[in-house]
C-alpha atoms as a PDB file:
ATOM      1  CA  MET A   1      19.976  70.142  28.404  1.00  0.00           C
ATOM      2  CA  ARG A   2      17.225  67.800  29.714  1.00  0.00           C
ATOM      3  CA  VAL A   3      15.010  68.951  27.013  1.00  0.00           C
ATOM      4  CA  VAL A   4      17.497  68.521  24.276  1.00  0.00           C
ATOM      5  CA  ALA A   5      18.661  65.122  25.328  1.00  0.00           C
ATOM      6  CA  GLY A   6      15.341  63.983  26.063  1.00  0.00           C
ATOM      7  CA  SER A   7      13.719  65.053  22.798  1.00  0.00           C
ATOM      8  CA  ALA A   8      16.475  63.226  20.727  1.00  0.00           C
ATOM      9  CA  LEU A   9      15.933  60.025  22.734  1.00  0.00           C
ATOM     10  CA  VAL A  10      12.269  60.267  22.133  1.00  0.00           C
ATOM     11  CA  VAL A  11      12.475  61.058  18.387  1.00  0.00           C
ATOM     12  CA  ARG A  12      15.093  58.342  17.847  1.00  0.00           C
ATOM     13  CA  ALA A  13      13.185  55.637  19.920  1.00  0.00           C
ATOM     14  CA  GLY A  14       9.909  56.422  17.963  1.00  0.00           C
ATOM     15  CA  LEU A  15      11.733  56.294  14.692  1.00  0.00           C
ATOM     16  CA  THR A  16      13.031  52.858  15.879  1.00  0.00           C
ATOM     17  CA  LEU A  17       9.641  51.601  16.958  1.00  0.00           C
ATOM     18  CA  ARG A  18       7.867  52.848  13.747  1.00  0.00           C
ATOM     19  CA  SER A  19      10.174  50.804  11.422  1.00  0.00           C
ATOM     20  CA  ASP A  20       8.354  47.752   9.744  1.00  0.00           C
ATOM     21  CA  PRO A  21       8.695  45.530  11.890  1.00  0.00           C
ATOM     22  CA  PRO A  22      11.324  46.516  14.523  1.00  0.00           C
ATOM     23  CA  PRO A  23      13.679  43.724  15.363  1.00  0.00           C
ATOM     24  CA  MET A  24      13.205  42.446  18.974  1.00  0.00           C
ATOM     25  CA  ASN A  25      17.008  43.428  19.870  1.00  0.00           C
ATOM     26  CA  VAL A  26      16.201  47.045  19.296  1.00  0.00           C
ATOM     27  CA  THR A  27      12.534  46.974  20.518  1.00  0.00           C
ATOM     28  CA  ILE A  28      13.094  46.667  24.159  1.00  0.00           C
ATOM     29  CA  PRO A  29      15.872  49.231  24.398  1.00  0.00           C
ATOM     30  CA  ALA A  30      13.639  51.659  22.255  1.00  0.00           C
ATOM     31  CA  ILE A  31      10.673  51.333  24.733  1.00  0.00           C
ATOM     32  CA  LEU A  32      13.162  51.977  27.670  1.00  0.00           C
ATOM     33  CA  LEU A  33      14.796  54.818  25.886  1.00  0.00           C
ATOM     34  CA  LEU A  34      11.265  56.371  25.001  1.00  0.00           C
ATOM     35  CA  GLY A  35      10.183  56.252  28.668  1.00  0.00           C
ATOM     36  CA  ALA A  36      13.446  57.581  30.126  1.00  0.00           C
ATOM     37  CA  GLY A  37      13.467  60.433  27.350  1.00  0.00           C
ATOM     38  CA  ILE A  38       9.882  61.531  28.462  1.00  0.00           C
ATOM     39  CA  LEU A  39      11.008  61.281  32.112  1.00  0.00           C
ATOM     40  CA  LEU A  40      14.096  63.516  31.312  1.00  0.00           C
ATOM     41  CA  ILE A  41      11.943  66.033  29.435  1.00  0.00           C
ATOM     42  CA  ALA A  42       9.600  66.271  32.548  1.00  0.00           C
ATOM     43  CA  GLY A  43      12.596  66.199  34.901  1.00  0.00           C
ATOM     44  CA  LEU A  44      10.979  63.551  36.873  1.00  0.00           C
ATOM     45  CA  TRP A  45      13.251  60.641  38.307  1.00  0.00           C
ATOM     46  CA  THR A  46      16.121  62.381  36.586  1.00  0.00           C
ATOM     47  CA  PRO A  47      19.004  60.421  38.195  1.00  0.00           C
ATOM     48  CA  ILE A  48      17.287  57.226  37.666  1.00  0.00           C
ATOM     49  CA  ALA A  49      16.357  57.855  33.816  1.00  0.00           C
ATOM     50  CA  GLY A  50      20.016  59.444  33.384  1.00  0.00           C
ATOM     51  CA  VAL A  51      21.503  56.036  34.623  1.00  0.00           C
ATOM     52  CA  ALA A  52      19.076  53.965  32.607  1.00  0.00           C
ATOM     53  CA  ILE A  53      19.859  55.801  29.357  1.00  0.00           C
ATOM     54  CA  ALA A  54      23.394  55.704  29.898  1.00  0.00           C
ATOM     55  CA  LEU A  55      23.513  52.139  30.616  1.00  0.00           C
ATOM     56  CA  THR A  56      21.137  51.418  27.500  1.00  0.00           C
ATOM     57  CA  GLU A  57      23.354  53.519  25.355  1.00  0.00           C
ATOM     58  CA  VAL A  58      26.590  51.750  26.365  1.00  0.00           C
ATOM     59  CA  TRP A  59      24.883  48.423  25.573  1.00  0.00           C
ATOM     60  CA  LYS A  60      23.689  49.645  22.126  1.00  0.00           C
ATOM     61  CA  MET A  61      27.458  50.651  21.479  1.00  0.00           C
ATOM     62  CA  LEU A  62      28.999  47.453  22.480  1.00  0.00           C
ATOM     63  CA  MET A  63      26.154  45.080  20.954  1.00  0.00           C
ATOM     64  CA  LEU A  64      24.540  46.946  18.171  1.00  0.00           C
ATOM     65  CA  PRO A  65      25.748  48.098  14.573  1.00  0.00           C
ATOM     66  CA  GLY A  66      24.955  51.644  14.080  1.00  0.00           C
ATOM     67  CA  ASP A  67      25.815  55.237  14.874  1.00  0.00           C
ATOM     68  CA  LYS A  68      28.050  54.584  17.942  1.00  0.00           C
ATOM     69  CA  TRP A  69      29.218  58.421  18.155  1.00  0.00           C
ATOM     70  CA  LEU A  70      25.619  59.487  18.636  1.00  0.00           C
ATOM     71  CA  TRP A  71      25.099  56.882  21.326  1.00  0.00           C
ATOM     72  CA  LEU A  72      28.288  57.748  23.086  1.00  0.00           C
ATOM     73  CA  MET A  73      27.092  61.492  23.081  1.00  0.00           C
ATOM     74  CA  LEU A  74      23.495  60.757  24.152  1.00  0.00           C
ATOM     75  CA  GLY A  75      25.103  58.182  27.047  1.00  0.00           C
ATOM     76  CA  THR A  76      27.567  60.965  28.090  1.00  0.00           C
ATOM     77  CA  ALA A  77      24.852  63.610  28.419  1.00  0.00           C
ATOM     78  CA  ALA A  78      22.536  61.315  30.308  1.00  0.00           C
ATOM     79  CA  ALA A  79      25.225  60.246  32.693  1.00  0.00           C
ATOM     80  CA  ALA A  80      25.933  63.975  33.184  1.00  0.00           C
ATOM     81  CA  LEU A  81      22.156  64.835  33.820  1.00  0.00           C
ATOM     82  CA  ALA A  82      22.076  61.756  36.414  1.00  0.00           C
ATOM     83  CA  MET A  83      25.076  63.726  38.460  1.00  0.00           C
ATOM     84  CA  LEU A  84      23.759  67.170  37.800  1.00  0.00           C
ATOM     85  CA  GLY A  85      20.212  66.502  38.844  1.00  0.00           C
ATOM     86  CA  PRO A  86      16.844  67.872  37.347  1.00  0.00           C
ATOM     87  CA  GLY A  87      17.397  71.558  37.913  1.00  0.00           C
ATOM     88  CA  LEU A  88      15.053  74.449  39.079  1.00  0.00           C
ATOM     89  CA  TRP A  89      12.290  73.901  36.281  1.00  0.00           C
ATOM     90  CA  SER A  90      11.338  70.410  36.855  1.00  0.00           C
ATOM     91  CA  VAL A  91       8.913  67.942  38.477  1.00  0.00           C
ATOM     92  CA  ASP A  92      11.577  66.653  40.684  1.00  0.00           C
ATOM     93  CA  ALA A  93      12.115  70.357  42.273  1.00  0.00           C
ATOM     94  CA  ARG A  94       8.395  70.628  42.634  1.00  0.00           C
ATOM     95  CA  LEU A  95       7.966  67.493  44.300  1.00  0.00           C
ATOM     96  CA  TYR A  96      11.112  67.328  46.573  1.00  0.00           C
ATOM     97  CA  GLY A  97      12.488  71.079  46.396  1.00  0.00           C
ATOM     98  CA  TRP A  98      15.503  72.207  44.663  1.00  0.00           C
ATOM     99  CA  LYS A  99      18.657  71.511  46.026  1.00  0.00           C
ATOM    100  CA  ARG A 100      21.624  73.685  45.694  1.00  0.00           C
ATOM    101  CA  LEU A 101      25.174  72.590  46.763  1.00  0.00           C
ATOM    102  CA  GLU A 102      27.532  75.600  47.684  1.00  0.00           C
ATOM    103  CA  ALA A 103      31.387  74.781  48.400  1.00  0.00           C
ATOM    104  CA  THR A 104      32.215  76.126  52.014  1.00  0.00           C
ATOM    105  CA  PRO A 105      35.227  78.495  52.070  1.00  0.00           C
ATOM    106  CA  ARG A 106      38.446  77.123  53.012  1.00  0.00           C
ATOM    107  CA  GLN A 107      39.826  77.659  56.705  1.00  0.00           C
ATOM    108  CA  LYS A 108      43.398  79.416  56.808  1.00  0.00           C
ATOM    109  CA  THR A 109      45.813  77.446  58.593  1.00  0.00           C
ATOM    110  CA  SER A 110      49.068  78.613  59.720  1.00  0.00           C
ATOM    111  CA  SER A 111      52.185  76.546  58.869  1.00  0.00           C
ATOM    112  CA  LEU A 112      54.311  78.346  61.724  1.00  0.00           C
ATOM    113  CA  SER A 113      51.933  77.066  64.533  1.00  0.00           C
END
């Protein structure tokens, strides 16, 4: 999921930056999304990159004309990745260790006591 969302962000940001000349109101978000997409692909600082992408996509939905459904999908995927974390095959897992959360079993309680 990280690779797909990050690749889509890198490609779209690269196309935006290659336009002749890109308007300033889309240049800064495109640079931010390009960097965050690269971080997502590598799995480095995934929660920070995911939140940055989600906030940028929300800003784009509110302020810019364009494909709002794509921005909604990318923002939602980035927010989900920020909450899920980088996964086993990532730079974050190599640097900080892979964290796995397991639900503890419930204790049986008697209502008669």
